[in-house]
Amino acid sequence: MSLWIAQIFSQFADRAVFVLFVAVLTTHAVTRVAGHNFGAAQMTSLLYVAFTIPAVILSPVAGVYVDRWSHRMVLICSNLFRAGFVCLVAIPDLKFHPIVAFFLAFLISIGSQFFGPAETSSIPRIVKHEDLYSANSLFFTTMMIALGFGFAIGEPIIEKTGIGNAPYAVASGFFIAALLLIGIADNNRRGERKQEPWWEELRFGIAYIVDNPYVFRAILKITLLFSTIITLNIIAVGLSQQVMNLQPFQFGYIVAAAGLGMGAGNFWVGHNGKSIDSEKLVYGGFAGLGLFMSLLGTLGYIQDYIFPMVGLQDVYFNGWLISIPLFFSLCIGISCAFVAVPTQAQLQGAVPEELRGKVFAAQNTAMSAASTIPVLLTGVSADNLPGGVSTTLLIIGLPTLIVAAVHLLRKSLK
């Protein structure tokens, strides 16, 4: 219970931090960085890269030390570390120095690299093996709801407190999470066995993943899903501008709808997923993900070409029409749940406890590294391609739908 509630506060704060940085970095329609002009979507992409670099560089090493150290202390210290650096976002001149903001995001992300594998490794240690589906459903549900509403509450926090005080409000979420984690069971295993150099332990963990096809495929699926979710977050910034005629930092409404869908989907999978073949459930989720991303991508073309044909020039998908993109985002979230819960539960059940930190840190690294290039390309395409975010959504959605449908058909014919 303590781990679960702490997760909620930490996840809300983590998502609100991203919105806070978006608000700071997109104050102007075009921002100049190192002599180049960048639009809102490209600035958001660069911000994401700043948060991602520590995941690629430090996450594998962090996993080694998570297996060595007390999970409780790792979880507490990582939250306090992030709370301290988030408070620095309150510096008034930060919006005039994007490079400094990116470096600050980099430092905040360092704390997350230790928190992630420690939290994921704690779940199968605390609950019974037969309860992993339900436990992961609960954690994914709250995580995805926090993902959505963490972005969505970013705007009202900024509006109520102002940019200057919003960092303190967000940092309090990390601080509360740290307090809640004081009471969880410890797993300090120092002295149980001789410790190899960190690079040897890292090599052993990677070899375990490569030599275990089941674990490798599970990590690959989670990585593809994560890349798509993060890409949607980046696209949501441009979608709010180009299709919904909203401010860039109001992109949280799209992500909130997806988060609600993930929550609903996770709840359903947790109660009914065991009765369905996991492979069919996962590929069905990918197919739904591709379908609804493609439908979301058609909205820009409807707005540009269909609306003028019926005398609705300058009509955007806001007001009551906002329900359409929000519905598609909801369905995207439900589709993601069909992939995430069964895959992660099976992965946790398959990995031995002494390797969980290394394996889940490697998973975090794979997710971050695999998503970096697509996210950068997404920002560039959303700002520069004809059709903007609509074209980008179709480029991602249609291949996902086709490949998933083919695998689902093959699985059904067996």
Protein backbone atom coordinates (compact mmCIF):
# COMPACT_ATOMS: atom_id res chain seq x y z
CA MET A 1 0.00 0.00 0.00
CA SER A 2 2.83 2.41 0.86
CA LEU A 3 4.66 1.63 -2.38
CA TRP A 4 1.47 2.06 -4.39
CA ILE A 5 0.48 5.42 -2.89
CA ALA A 6 4.06 6.68 -3.12
CA GLN A 7 4.04 5.70 -6.78
CA ILE A 8 0.98 7.89 -7.35
CA PHE A 9 2.58 10.99 -5.84
CA SER A 10 5.89 10.37 -7.60
CA GLN A 11 4.29 9.74 -10.99
CA PHE A 12 2.04 12.82 -10.74
CA ALA A 13 5.05 14.95 -9.88
CA ASP A 14 7.17 13.40 -12.62
CA ARG A 15 4.61 14.20 -15.33
CA ALA A 16 3.88 17.67 -13.99
CA VAL A 17 7.63 18.41 -14.17
CA PHE A 18 7.54 17.82 -17.92
CA VAL A 19 4.60 20.23 -18.33
CA LEU A 20 6.44 22.75 -16.19
CA PHE A 21 9.46 22.61 -18.49
CA VAL A 22 7.23 22.80 -21.59
CA ALA A 23 5.60 25.96 -20.20
CA VAL A 24 9.02 27.49 -19.51
CA LEU A 25 10.55 26.56 -22.88
CA THR A 26 7.56 27.41 -25.11
CA THR A 27 6.97 30.90 -23.76
CA HIS A 28 7.77 32.16 -27.26
CA ALA A 29 6.37 30.68 -30.48
CA VAL A 30 9.94 30.24 -31.75
CA THR A 31 12.92 29.76 -29.43
CA ARG A 32 16.51 30.31 -30.48
CA VAL A 33 19.00 27.70 -29.25
CA ALA A 34 22.67 27.68 -30.33
CA GLY A 35 21.89 29.96 -33.26
CA HIS A 36 18.95 27.91 -34.56
CA ASN A 37 15.21 28.55 -34.35
CA PHE A 38 13.01 25.81 -32.87
CA GLY A 39 9.21 25.47 -32.77
CA ALA A 40 7.19 24.16 -29.82
CA ALA A 41 7.19 20.51 -30.94
CA GLN A 42 10.95 20.54 -31.59
CA MET A 43 11.64 22.17 -28.22
CA THR A 44 9.51 19.47 -26.59
CA SER A 45 11.49 16.81 -28.44
CA LEU A 46 14.79 18.30 -27.25
CA LEU A 47 13.41 18.43 -23.71
CA TYR A 48 12.50 14.78 -23.93
CA VAL A 49 16.02 13.96 -25.10
CA ALA A 50 17.42 15.83 -22.08
CA PHE A 51 15.30 13.62 -19.84
CA THR A 52 16.28 10.53 -21.85
CA ILE A 53 20.08 10.78 -22.00
CA PRO A 54 20.55 9.63 -18.35
CA ALA A 55 18.34 6.64 -19.07
CA VAL A 56 20.63 5.56 -21.90
CA ILE A 57 23.90 6.28 -20.11
CA LEU A 58 23.19 5.57 -16.43
CA SER A 59 20.27 3.16 -16.30
CA PRO A 60 22.29 -0.05 -16.89
CA VAL A 61 24.78 0.87 -14.16
CA ALA A 62 21.92 1.98 -11.88
CA GLY A 63 20.40 -1.49 -12.23
CA VAL A 64 23.58 -3.12 -10.94
CA TYR A 65 23.57 -0.97 -7.81
CA VAL A 66 19.81 -1.37 -7.29
CA ASP A 67 20.47 -5.11 -6.98
CA ARG A 68 23.18 -4.37 -4.40
CA TRP A 69 21.52 -1.63 -2.35
CA SER A 70 18.44 -1.32 -0.19
CA HIS A 71 15.41 -0.76 -2.42
CA ARG A 72 13.85 1.38 0.28
CA MET A 73 16.79 3.78 0.46
CA VAL A 74 17.05 3.97 -3.33
CA LEU A 75 13.37 4.88 -3.61
CA ILE A 76 13.52 7.49 -0.84
CA CYS A 77 16.75 9.15 -1.98
CA SER A 78 15.72 9.30 -5.64
CA ASN A 79 12.53 11.17 -4.70
CA LEU A 80 14.37 13.63 -2.46
CA PHE A 81 17.00 14.15 -5.17
CA ARG A 82 14.36 15.03 -7.75
CA ALA A 83 12.44 17.27 -5.34
CA GLY A 84 15.54 19.37 -4.74
CA PHE A 85 16.32 19.95 -8.40
CA VAL A 86 12.69 20.64 -9.37
CA CYS A 87 12.73 23.54 -6.92
CA LEU A 88 15.49 25.12 -9.07
CA VAL A 89 13.02 25.47 -11.96
CA ALA A 90 11.70 28.48 -10.02
CA ILE A 91 14.78 30.49 -11.09
CA PRO A 92 13.22 33.47 -12.96
CA ASP A 93 15.75 33.68 -15.83
CA LEU A 94 15.54 29.98 -16.73
CA LYS A 95 13.22 30.68 -19.71
CA PHE A 96 15.95 32.81 -21.30
CA HIS A 97 18.53 30.01 -21.02
CA PRO A 98 17.15 26.83 -22.66
CA ILE A 99 20.51 25.05 -22.36
CA VAL A 100 20.42 25.49 -18.58
CA ALA A 101 16.84 24.19 -18.51
CA PHE A 102 17.86 21.11 -20.50
CA PHE A 103 20.76 20.46 -18.10
CA LEU A 104 18.41 20.77 -15.13
CA ALA A 105 16.05 18.27 -16.77
CA PHE A 106 19.06 15.98 -17.22
CA LEU A 107 19.82 16.14 -13.48
CA ILE A 108 16.22 15.46 -12.49
CA SER A 109 16.19 12.45 -14.79
CA ILE A 110 19.21 10.96 -13.02
CA GLY A 111 17.06 10.33 -9.94
CA SER A 112 14.46 8.55 -12.05
CA GLN A 113 17.01 6.02 -13.33
CA PHE A 114 17.38 4.57 -9.85
CA PHE A 115 13.71 4.88 -8.89
CA GLY A 116 12.36 2.90 -11.87
CA PRO A 117 14.19 -0.44 -11.50
CA ALA A 118 13.94 -0.30 -7.69
CA GLU A 119 10.16 0.12 -7.84
CA THR A 120 9.61 -2.52 -10.53
CA SER A 121 11.86 -4.99 -8.70
CA SER A 122 9.97 -4.44 -5.44
CA ILE A 123 6.58 -5.52 -6.81
CA PRO A 124 7.33 -9.25 -7.36
CA ARG A 125 9.17 -9.32 -4.02
CA ILE A 126 6.19 -7.92 -2.10
CA VAL A 127 3.31 -9.82 -3.77
CA LYS A 128 2.80 -13.49 -4.53
CA HIS A 129 3.55 -14.87 -7.99
CA GLU A 130 -0.12 -15.67 -8.65
CA ASP A 131 -1.04 -12.06 -7.85
CA LEU A 132 1.34 -10.43 -10.34
CA TYR A 133 -1.37 -9.86 -12.97
CA SER A 134 -3.58 -8.06 -10.47
CA ALA A 135 -0.68 -6.17 -8.89
CA ASN A 136 0.64 -4.97 -12.25
CA SER A 137 -2.87 -4.04 -13.30
CA LEU A 138 -3.17 -1.85 -10.20
CA PHE A 139 0.26 -0.27 -10.65
CA PHE A 140 -0.18 0.27 -14.38
CA THR A 141 -3.66 1.69 -13.80
CA THR A 142 -2.47 4.27 -11.29
CA MET A 143 0.69 4.94 -13.30
CA MET A 144 -1.24 5.61 -16.50
CA ILE A 145 -3.89 7.71 -14.76
CA ALA A 146 -1.05 9.67 -13.16
CA LEU A 147 0.58 9.88 -16.58
CA GLY A 148 -2.54 11.50 -18.00
CA PHE A 149 -3.63 13.64 -15.09
CA GLY A 150 -0.04 14.44 -14.16
CA PHE A 151 0.17 16.27 -17.48
CA ALA A 152 -3.36 17.64 -17.13
CA ILE A 153 -2.80 19.11 -13.66
CA GLY A 154 0.33 20.84 -14.85
CA GLU A 155 -1.71 23.66 -16.40
CA PRO A 156 -3.92 24.45 -13.35
CA ILE A 157 -0.87 24.30 -11.07
CA ILE A 158 0.92 26.84 -13.28
CA GLU A 159 -2.23 28.96 -13.57
CA LYS A 160 -2.93 29.00 -9.81
CA THR A 161 0.61 29.37 -8.50
CA GLY A 162 2.44 30.94 -11.42
CA ILE A 163 5.68 29.75 -13.00
CA GLY A 164 7.64 31.01 -10.01
CA ASN A 165 5.81 28.94 -7.37
CA ALA A 166 4.69 25.94 -9.44
CA PRO A 167 8.06 24.12 -9.00
CA TYR A 168 7.59 24.04 -5.23
CA ALA A 169 4.11 22.58 -5.60
CA VAL A 170 5.39 19.90 -7.96
CA ALA A 171 8.42 19.11 -5.78
CA SER A 172 6.11 18.46 -2.83
CA GLY A 173 4.81 15.38 -4.66
CA PHE A 174 8.29 13.84 -4.64
CA PHE A 175 8.77 14.78 -0.99
CA ILE A 176 5.49 13.16 0.09
CA ALA A 177 6.43 10.01 -1.87
CA ALA A 178 9.75 9.86 -0.01
CA LEU A 179 7.95 10.05 3.35
CA LEU A 180 5.52 7.28 2.41
CA LEU A 181 8.35 4.96 1.40
CA ILE A 182 9.95 5.03 4.83
CA GLY A 183 7.61 2.25 5.97
CA ILE A 184 8.07 -0.31 3.17
CA ALA A 185 9.88 -3.61 3.76
CA ASP A 186 13.61 -3.46 3.13
CA ASN A 187 15.62 -5.89 1.04
CA ASN A 188 19.16 -5.01 2.03
CA ARG A 189 21.16 -8.01 0.77
CA ARG A 190 24.69 -6.68 1.32
CA GLY A 191 27.04 -9.37 2.50
CA GLU A 192 25.00 -12.29 1.13
CA ARG A 193 27.55 -12.97 -1.60
CA LYS A 194 30.76 -11.60 -3.00
CA GLN A 195 30.09 -8.73 -5.35
CA GLU A 196 31.70 -8.68 -8.77
CA PRO A 197 32.83 -5.40 -10.39
CA TRP A 198 29.81 -3.50 -11.69
CA TRP A 199 30.78 -4.03 -15.33
CA GLU A 200 30.91 -7.81 -14.81
CA GLU A 201 27.46 -7.82 -13.22
CA LEU A 202 26.18 -5.63 -16.04
CA ARG A 203 27.63 -8.00 -18.65
CA PHE A 204 26.01 -10.96 -16.92
CA GLY A 205 22.61 -9.22 -16.86
CA ILE A 206 22.80 -8.37 -20.56
CA ALA A 207 23.88 -11.93 -21.41
CA TYR A 208 20.87 -13.25 -19.49
CA ILE A 209 18.50 -11.13 -21.59
CA VAL A 210 20.15 -12.04 -24.90
CA ASP A 211 20.17 -15.77 -24.11
CA ASN A 212 16.55 -15.82 -22.96
CA PRO A 213 14.24 -15.35 -26.00
CA TYR A 214 11.11 -15.06 -23.84
CA VAL A 215 12.56 -12.19 -21.79
CA PHE A 216 14.08 -10.56 -24.89
CA ARG A 217 10.73 -10.54 -26.76
CA ALA A 218 8.90 -9.18 -23.73
CA ILE A 219 11.36 -6.29 -23.40
CA LEU A 220 11.08 -5.62 -27.14
CA LYS A 221 7.27 -5.35 -26.93
CA ILE A 222 7.39 -3.04 -23.92
CA THR A 223 10.02 -0.94 -25.70
CA LEU A 224 7.88 -0.54 -28.83
CA LEU A 225 4.86 0.36 -26.73
CA PHE A 226 6.80 2.90 -24.69
CA SER A 227 8.19 4.54 -27.83
CA THR A 228 4.69 4.93 -29.21
CA ILE A 229 3.32 6.40 -25.97
CA ILE A 230 6.14 8.93 -25.68
CA THR A 231 5.76 9.84 -29.34
CA LEU A 232 2.07 10.51 -28.70
CA ASN A 233 3.04 12.83 -25.84
CA ILE A 234 5.29 14.79 -28.20
CA ILE A 235 2.67 14.88 -30.94
CA ALA A 236 0.04 16.05 -28.45
CA VAL A 237 1.84 19.39 -28.16
CA GLY A 238 1.53 20.07 -31.90
CA LEU A 239 -1.96 18.51 -31.99
CA SER A 240 -3.19 20.98 -29.38
CA GLN A 241 -1.92 23.84 -31.58
CA GLN A 242 -2.66 22.67 -35.12
CA VAL A 243 -5.91 20.73 -34.73
CA MET A 244 -7.48 21.91 -31.46
CA ASN A 245 -6.29 25.56 -31.52
CA LEU A 246 -5.08 25.41 -27.90
CA GLN A 247 -1.90 26.59 -26.19
CA PRO A 248 1.10 24.19 -26.35
CA PHE A 249 1.11 23.51 -22.59
CA GLN A 250 -2.57 22.44 -22.78
CA PHE A 251 -1.54 19.21 -24.52
CA GLY A 252 -2.26 17.46 -21.21
CA TYR A 253 -5.92 17.05 -22.14
CA ILE A 254 -5.01 14.63 -24.93
CA VAL A 255 -2.62 12.72 -22.70
CA ALA A 256 -5.16 12.72 -19.85
CA ALA A 257 -7.71 11.00 -22.08
CA ALA A 258 -5.12 8.39 -23.05
CA GLY A 259 -4.25 7.95 -19.38
CA LEU A 260 -7.90 7.34 -18.50
CA GLY A 261 -8.11 4.80 -21.30
CA MET A 262 -5.02 3.04 -19.99
CA GLY A 263 -6.53 3.01 -16.52
CA ALA A 264 -9.78 1.50 -17.75
CA GLY A 265 -7.94 -1.00 -19.95
CA ASN A 266 -5.60 -2.01 -17.14
CA PHE A 267 -8.55 -2.58 -14.81
CA TRP A 268 -10.26 -4.81 -17.38
CA VAL A 269 -7.10 -6.77 -18.19
CA GLY A 270 -6.39 -7.29 -14.49
CA HIS A 271 -9.80 -8.92 -14.01
CA ASN A 272 -10.27 -10.69 -17.35
CA GLY A 273 -6.87 -10.92 -19.06
CA LYS A 274 -5.90 -14.32 -17.65
CA SER A 275 -8.74 -15.98 -19.58
CA ILE A 276 -7.42 -14.72 -22.95
CA ASP A 277 -4.34 -15.90 -24.80
CA SER A 278 -1.68 -13.34 -23.90
CA GLU A 279 -0.22 -13.17 -27.42
CA LYS A 280 -3.62 -12.42 -28.96
CA LEU A 281 -4.25 -9.80 -26.30
CA VAL A 282 -0.91 -8.10 -26.97
CA TYR A 283 -1.17 -8.08 -30.77
CA GLY A 284 -4.80 -6.98 -30.53
CA GLY A 285 -3.59 -4.08 -28.41
CA PHE A 286 -0.99 -3.09 -30.99
CA ALA A 287 -3.61 -3.29 -33.75
CA GLY A 288 -5.96 -1.01 -31.79
CA LEU A 289 -3.10 1.36 -31.11
CA GLY A 290 -2.32 1.69 -34.82
CA LEU A 291 -5.99 2.06 -35.78
CA PHE A 292 -6.85 4.86 -33.38
CA MET A 293 -3.59 6.74 -33.97
CA SER A 294 -4.46 6.69 -37.68
CA LEU A 295 -7.99 7.93 -36.98
CA LEU A 296 -6.57 10.70 -34.81
CA GLY A 297 -4.30 11.61 -37.72
CA THR A 298 -7.23 12.06 -40.09
CA LEU A 299 -8.67 14.94 -38.02
CA GLY A 300 -6.22 17.50 -39.38
CA TYR A 301 -7.13 16.63 -42.96
CA ILE A 302 -10.83 16.77 -42.14
CA GLN A 303 -10.28 20.21 -40.66
CA ASP A 304 -8.27 21.46 -43.66
CA TYR A 305 -10.24 19.90 -46.53
CA ILE A 306 -13.66 18.60 -45.44
CA PHE A 307 -14.79 21.43 -43.16
CA PRO A 308 -14.21 24.16 -45.83
CA MET A 309 -16.28 22.13 -48.32
CA VAL A 310 -19.32 22.39 -46.02
CA GLY A 311 -18.79 26.03 -45.06
CA LEU A 312 -17.00 25.46 -41.77
CA GLN A 313 -13.83 27.42 -42.39
CA ASP A 314 -11.70 28.18 -39.31
CA VAL A 315 -13.48 25.50 -37.29
CA TYR A 316 -11.18 23.52 -34.99
CA PHE A 317 -11.64 20.40 -32.90
CA ASN A 318 -12.30 22.34 -29.71
CA GLY A 319 -15.51 23.19 -27.87
CA TRP A 320 -17.82 20.19 -28.10
CA LEU A 321 -15.78 18.85 -31.03
CA ILE A 322 -12.89 18.23 -28.64
CA SER A 323 -14.71 15.04 -27.63
CA ILE A 324 -13.61 13.42 -30.92
CA PRO A 325 -9.81 13.61 -30.45
CA LEU A 326 -10.31 12.84 -26.74
CA PHE A 327 -12.30 9.69 -27.61
CA PHE A 328 -9.59 8.47 -30.00
CA SER A 329 -6.98 9.15 -27.31
CA LEU A 330 -9.06 7.18 -24.82
CA CYS A 331 -9.12 4.20 -27.18
CA ILE A 332 -5.35 4.52 -27.71
CA GLY A 333 -4.92 4.22 -23.96
CA ILE A 334 -7.12 1.13 -23.75
CA SER A 335 -5.09 -0.50 -26.53
CA CYS A 336 -1.85 0.24 -24.67
CA ALA A 337 -3.16 -1.56 -21.58
CA PHE A 338 -3.74 -4.73 -23.60
CA VAL A 339 -0.02 -4.76 -24.34
CA ALA A 340 1.51 -3.52 -21.09
CA VAL A 341 -0.10 -5.53 -18.29
CA PRO A 342 0.30 -9.11 -19.59
CA THR A 343 3.79 -8.45 -20.95
CA GLN A 344 5.16 -6.84 -17.78
CA ALA A 345 3.53 -9.40 -15.46
CA GLN A 346 5.05 -12.29 -17.38
CA LEU A 347 8.44 -10.58 -17.44
CA GLN A 348 8.43 -10.01 -13.67
CA GLY A 349 7.47 -13.62 -13.04
CA ALA A 350 10.21 -14.95 -15.30
CA VAL A 351 13.22 -12.99 -13.99
CA PRO A 352 15.03 -14.23 -10.84
CA GLU A 353 15.07 -11.75 -7.94
CA GLU A 354 18.84 -11.30 -7.96
CA LEU A 355 18.70 -10.16 -11.61
CA ARG A 356 15.62 -7.95 -11.54
CA GLY A 357 17.42 -4.66 -11.02
CA LYS A 358 19.76 -5.29 -13.95
CA VAL A 359 17.03 -6.64 -16.24
CA PHE A 360 14.55 -3.85 -15.56
CA ALA A 361 17.28 -1.22 -15.81
CA ALA A 362 18.23 -2.72 -19.19
CA GLN A 363 14.55 -2.54 -20.13
CA ASN A 364 14.49 1.15 -19.20
CA THR A 365 17.63 1.73 -21.27
CA ALA A 366 16.16 -0.05 -24.28
CA MET A 367 12.94 1.94 -24.01
CA SER A 368 14.75 5.25 -23.77
CA ALA A 369 17.34 4.55 -26.47
CA ALA A 370 14.80 3.12 -28.92
CA SER A 371 12.47 6.08 -28.51
CA THR A 372 15.03 8.90 -28.77
CA ILE A 373 15.44 8.93 -32.55
CA PRO A 374 11.70 8.50 -33.31
CA VAL A 375 10.89 11.30 -30.86
CA LEU A 376 13.41 13.65 -32.49
CA LEU A 377 12.02 12.80 -35.94
CA THR A 378 8.48 13.24 -34.62
CA GLY A 379 9.20 16.77 -33.45
CA VAL A 380 10.80 17.69 -36.78
CA SER A 381 8.00 16.12 -38.87
CA ALA A 382 5.22 17.62 -36.74
CA ASP A 383 6.69 21.10 -37.24
CA ASN A 384 7.79 20.79 -40.89
CA LEU A 385 5.97 18.07 -42.89
CA PRO A 386 2.87 18.95 -44.94
CA GLY A 387 -0.04 18.09 -42.69
CA GLY A 388 2.12 18.42 -39.57
CA VAL A 389 0.99 16.19 -36.72
CA SER A 390 -1.72 14.55 -38.83
CA THR A 391 0.82 13.22 -41.33
CA THR A 392 3.09 12.13 -38.48
CA LEU A 393 0.28 10.19 -36.79
CA LEU A 394 -0.54 8.38 -40.03
CA ILE A 395 3.14 7.55 -40.62
CA ILE A 396 3.25 5.88 -37.20
CA GLY A 397 -0.27 4.47 -36.99
CA LEU A 398 -0.73 2.74 -40.32
CA PRO A 399 2.42 0.53 -40.20
CA THR A 400 1.63 -0.37 -36.57
CA LEU A 401 -1.88 -1.42 -37.55
CA ILE A 402 -0.74 -3.47 -40.55
CA VAL A 403 2.09 -5.33 -38.78
CA ALA A 404 -0.02 -6.07 -35.70
CA ALA A 405 -2.95 -7.27 -37.79
CA VAL A 406 -0.69 -9.66 -39.71
CA HIS A 407 0.70 -11.15 -36.49
CA LEU A 408 -2.77 -11.39 -34.99
CA LEU A 409 -4.06 -13.18 -38.07
CA ARG A 410 -1.16 -15.64 -38.00
CA LYS A 411 -1.75 -16.30 -34.32
CA SER A 412 -5.48 -16.89 -34.92
CA LEU A 413 -4.83 -19.35 -37.77
CA LYS A 414 -2.51 -21.54 -35.68
